[in-house]
Amino acid sequence: MFEQNVGDGANLFVTIVAVIIGFAAAMGYIDFIKRTKKEDKKH
């Protein structure tokens, strides 16, 4: 019983970390796209 709870907690933790990393990567990507568009307008 205890081992199962620890396993679920670990899976939840891994899922949360994966979501945070994915969100951060997406924000970085969007920022990169916005910057490249601004650079295109300058030239």
PDB file of N, CA and C in Angstrom:
ATOM      1  N   MET A   1       0.840  -1.198   0.000  1.00  0.00           N
ATOM      2  CA  MET A   1       0.000   0.000   0.000  1.00  0.00           C
ATOM      3  C   MET A   1       0.885   1.262   0.000  1.00  0.00           C
ATOM      4  N   PHE A   2       1.828   1.296   0.910  1.00  0.00           N
ATOM      5  CA  PHE A   2       2.698   2.466   1.007  1.00  0.00           C
ATOM      6  C   PHE A   2       3.526   2.643  -0.264  1.00  0.00           C
ATOM      7  N   GLU A   3       4.065   1.535  -0.776  1.00  0.00           N
ATOM      8  CA  GLU A   3       4.885   1.612  -1.986  1.00  0.00           C
ATOM      9  C   GLU A   3       4.061   2.131  -3.167  1.00  0.00           C
ATOM     10  N   GLN A   4       2.812   1.743  -3.241  1.00  0.00           N
ATOM     11  CA  GLN A   4       1.962   2.206  -4.329  1.00  0.00           C
ATOM     12  C   GLN A   4       1.756   3.713  -4.242  1.00  0.00           C
ATOM     13  N   ASN A   5       1.551   4.220  -3.038  1.00  0.00           N
ATOM     14  CA  ASN A   5       1.369   5.665  -2.862  1.00  0.00           C
ATOM     15  C   ASN A   5       2.625   6.419  -3.249  1.00  0.00           C
ATOM     16  N   VAL A   6       3.778   5.913  -2.868  1.00  0.00           N
ATOM     17  CA  VAL A   6       5.039   6.557  -3.224  1.00  0.00           C
ATOM     18  C   VAL A   6       5.190   6.567  -4.741  1.00  0.00           C
ATOM     19  N   GLY A   7       4.835   5.468  -5.392  1.00  0.00           N
ATOM     20  CA  GLY A   7       4.928   5.388  -6.848  1.00  0.00           C
ATOM     21  C   GLY A   7       4.021   6.407  -7.512  1.00  0.00           C
ATOM     22  N   ASP A   8       2.801   6.542  -7.019  1.00  0.00           N
ATOM     23  CA  ASP A   8       1.872   7.514  -7.598  1.00  0.00           C
ATOM     24  C   ASP A   8       2.406   8.930  -7.394  1.00  0.00           C
ATOM     25  N   GLY A   9       2.961   9.181  -6.214  1.00  0.00           N
ATOM     26  CA  GLY A   9       3.500  10.505  -5.923  1.00  0.00           C
ATOM     27  C   GLY A   9       4.660  10.834  -6.848  1.00  0.00           C
ATOM     28  N   ALA A  10       5.506   9.836  -7.107  1.00  0.00           N
ATOM     29  CA  ALA A  10       6.643  10.043  -7.995  1.00  0.00           C
ATOM     30  C   ALA A  10       6.156  10.318  -9.415  1.00  0.00           C
ATOM     31  N   ASN A  11       5.157   9.564  -9.853  1.00  0.00           N
ATOM     32  CA  ASN A  11       4.617   9.776 -11.201  1.00  0.00           C
ATOM     33  C   ASN A  11       4.015  11.170 -11.321  1.00  0.00           C
ATOM     34  N   LEU A  12       3.318  11.604 -10.282  1.00  0.00           N
ATOM     35  CA  LEU A  12       2.707  12.936 -10.283  1.00  0.00           C
ATOM     36  C   LEU A  12       3.798  13.999 -10.340  1.00  0.00           C
ATOM     37  N   PHE A  13       4.856  13.803  -9.552  1.00  0.00           N
ATOM     38  CA  PHE A  13       5.968  14.749  -9.531  1.00  0.00           C
ATOM     39  C   PHE A  13       6.621  14.848 -10.908  1.00  0.00           C
ATOM     40  N   VAL A  14       6.883  13.698 -11.521  1.00  0.00           N
ATOM     41  CA  VAL A  14       7.500  13.672 -12.849  1.00  0.00           C
ATOM     42  C   VAL A  14       6.594  14.370 -13.861  1.00  0.00           C
ATOM     43  N   THR A  15       5.293  14.130 -13.764  1.00  0.00           N
ATOM     44  CA  THR A  15       4.341  14.758 -14.686  1.00  0.00           C
ATOM     45  C   THR A  15       4.346  16.274 -14.522  1.00  0.00           C
ATOM     46  N   ILE A  16       4.335  16.739 -13.270  1.00  0.00           N
ATOM     47  CA  ILE A  16       4.335  18.180 -13.006  1.00  0.00           C
ATOM     48  C   ILE A  16       5.618  18.811 -13.545  1.00  0.00           C
ATOM     49  N   VAL A  17       6.758  18.166 -13.290  1.00  0.00           N
ATOM     50  CA  VAL A  17       8.038  18.693 -13.771  1.00  0.00           C
ATOM     51  C   VAL A  17       8.038  18.753 -15.295  1.00  0.00           C
ATOM     52  N   ALA A  18       7.501  17.703 -15.937  1.00  0.00           N
ATOM     53  CA  ALA A  18       7.464  17.661 -17.401  1.00  0.00           C
ATOM     54  C   ALA A  18       6.589  18.800 -17.940  1.00  0.00           C
ATOM     55  N   VAL A  19       5.480  19.066 -17.287  1.00  0.00           N
ATOM     56  CA  VAL A  19       4.584  20.141 -17.724  1.00  0.00           C
ATOM     57  C   VAL A  19       5.265  21.497 -17.567  1.00  0.00           C
ATOM     58  N   ILE A  20       5.947  21.692 -16.442  1.00  0.00           N
ATOM     59  CA  ILE A  20       6.643  22.963 -16.206  1.00  0.00           C
ATOM     60  C   ILE A  20       7.742  23.177 -17.254  1.00  0.00           C
ATOM     61  N   ILE A  21       8.512  22.120 -17.527  1.00  0.00           N
ATOM     62  CA  ILE A  21       9.577  22.219 -18.529  1.00  0.00           C
ATOM     63  C   ILE A  21       8.982  22.515 -19.906  1.00  0.00           C
ATOM     64  N   GLY A  22       7.889  21.831 -20.240  1.00  0.00           N
ATOM     65  CA  GLY A  22       7.240  22.052 -21.529  1.00  0.00           C
ATOM     66  C   GLY A  22       6.708  23.470 -21.641  1.00  0.00           C
ATOM     67  N   PHE A  23       6.126  23.972 -20.553  1.00  0.00           N
ATOM     68  CA  PHE A  23       5.584  25.337 -20.543  1.00  0.00           C
ATOM     69  C   PHE A  23       6.713  26.355 -20.706  1.00  0.00           C
ATOM     70  N   ALA A  24       7.807  26.134 -19.993  1.00  0.00           N
ATOM     71  CA  ALA A  24       8.946  27.046 -20.087  1.00  0.00           C
ATOM     72  C   ALA A  24       9.520  27.028 -21.498  1.00  0.00           C
ATOM     73  N   ALA A  25       9.609  25.841 -22.084  1.00  0.00           N
ATOM     74  CA  ALA A  25      10.131  25.718 -23.443  1.00  0.00           C
ATOM     75  C   ALA A  25       9.206  26.433 -24.427  1.00  0.00           C
ATOM     76  N   ALA A  26       7.913  26.300 -24.228  1.00  0.00           N
ATOM     77  CA  ALA A  26       6.943  26.946 -25.114  1.00  0.00           C
ATOM     78  C   ALA A  26       7.046  28.468 -25.002  1.00  0.00           C
ATOM     79  N   MET A  27       7.188  28.968 -23.785  1.00  0.00           N
ATOM     80  CA  MET A  27       7.308  30.418 -23.590  1.00  0.00           C
ATOM     81  C   MET A  27       8.592  30.930 -24.249  1.00  0.00           C
ATOM     82  N   GLY A  28       9.676  30.177 -24.104  1.00  0.00           N
ATOM     83  CA  GLY A  28      10.935  30.565 -24.730  1.00  0.00           C
ATOM     84  C   GLY A  28      10.807  30.571 -26.241  1.00  0.00           C
ATOM     85  N   TYR A  29      10.108  29.576 -26.768  1.00  0.00           N
ATOM     86  CA  TYR A  29       9.918  29.476 -28.220  1.00  0.00           C
ATOM     87  C   TYR A  29       9.075  30.643 -28.739  1.00  0.00           C
ATOM     88  N   ILE A  30       8.001  30.961 -28.017  1.00  0.00           N
ATOM     89  CA  ILE A  30       7.143  32.075 -28.431  1.00  0.00           C
ATOM     90  C   ILE A  30       7.927  33.386 -28.399  1.00  0.00           C
ATOM     91  N   ASP A  31       8.741  33.556 -27.336  1.00  0.00           N
ATOM     92  CA  ASP A  31       9.560  34.760 -27.230  1.00  0.00           C
ATOM     93  C   ASP A  31      10.539  34.840 -28.399  1.00  0.00           C
ATOM     94  N   PHE A  32      11.116  33.706 -28.765  1.00  0.00           N
ATOM     95  CA  PHE A  32      12.061  33.653 -29.888  1.00  0.00           C
ATOM     96  C   PHE A  32      11.360  34.044 -31.185  1.00  0.00           C
ATOM     97  N   ILE A  33      10.145  33.537 -31.388  1.00  0.00           N
ATOM     98  CA  ILE A  33       9.380  33.864 -32.606  1.00  0.00           C
ATOM     99  C   ILE A  33       9.080  35.366 -32.643  1.00  0.00           C
ATOM    100  N   LYS A  34       8.670  35.930 -31.494  1.00  0.00           N
ATOM    101  CA  LYS A  34       8.367  37.364 -31.451  1.00  0.00           C
ATOM    102  C   LYS A  34       9.606  38.183 -31.770  1.00  0.00           C
ATOM    103  N   ARG A  35      10.748  37.771 -31.238  1.00  0.00           N
ATOM    104  CA  ARG A  35      11.991  38.514 -31.489  1.00  0.00           C
ATOM    105  C   ARG A  35      12.365  38.456 -32.961  1.00  0.00           C
ATOM    106  N   THR A  36      12.235  37.291 -33.574  1.00  0.00           N
ATOM    107  CA  THR A  36      12.596  37.173 -34.986  1.00  0.00           C
ATOM    108  C   THR A  36      11.661  38.016 -35.846  1.00  0.00           C
ATOM    109  N   LYS A  37      10.388  38.098 -35.475  1.00  0.00           N
ATOM    110  CA  LYS A  37       9.454  38.916 -36.244  1.00  0.00           C
ATOM    111  C   LYS A  37       9.812  40.388 -36.125  1.00  0.00           C
ATOM    112  N   LYS A  38      10.227  40.816 -34.915  1.00  0.00           N
ATOM    113  CA  LYS A  38      10.636  42.212 -34.726  1.00  0.00           C
ATOM    114  C   LYS A  38      11.878  42.515 -35.556  1.00  0.00           C
ATOM    115  N   GLU A  39      12.800  41.585 -35.599  1.00  0.00           N
ATOM    116  CA  GLU A  39      14.025  41.778 -36.389  1.00  0.00           C
ATOM    117  C   GLU A  39      13.683  41.901 -37.868  1.00  0.00           C
ATOM    118  N   ASP A  40      12.708  41.112 -38.337  1.00  0.00           N
ATOM    119  CA  ASP A  40      12.314  41.166 -39.742  1.00  0.00           C
ATOM    120  C   ASP A  40      11.723  42.551 -40.072  1.00  0.00           C
ATOM    121  N   LYS A  41      10.972  43.149 -39.173  1.00  0.00           N
ATOM    122  CA  LYS A  41      10.367  44.444 -39.426  1.00  0.00           C
ATOM    123  C   LYS A  41      11.428  45.543 -39.513  1.00  0.00           C
ATOM    124  N   LYS A  42      12.505  45.427 -38.749  1.00  0.00           N
ATOM    125  CA  LYS A  42      13.573  46.437 -38.763  1.00  0.00           C
ATOM    126  C   LYS A  42      14.285  46.446 -40.103  1.00  0.00           C
ATOM    127  N   HIS A  43      14.457  45.302 -40.717  1.00  0.00           N
ATOM    128  CA  HIS A  43      15.225  45.220 -41.959  1.00  0.00           C
ATOM    129  C   HIS A  43      14.369  45.494 -43.166  1.00  0.00           C
TER     130      HIS A  43
END
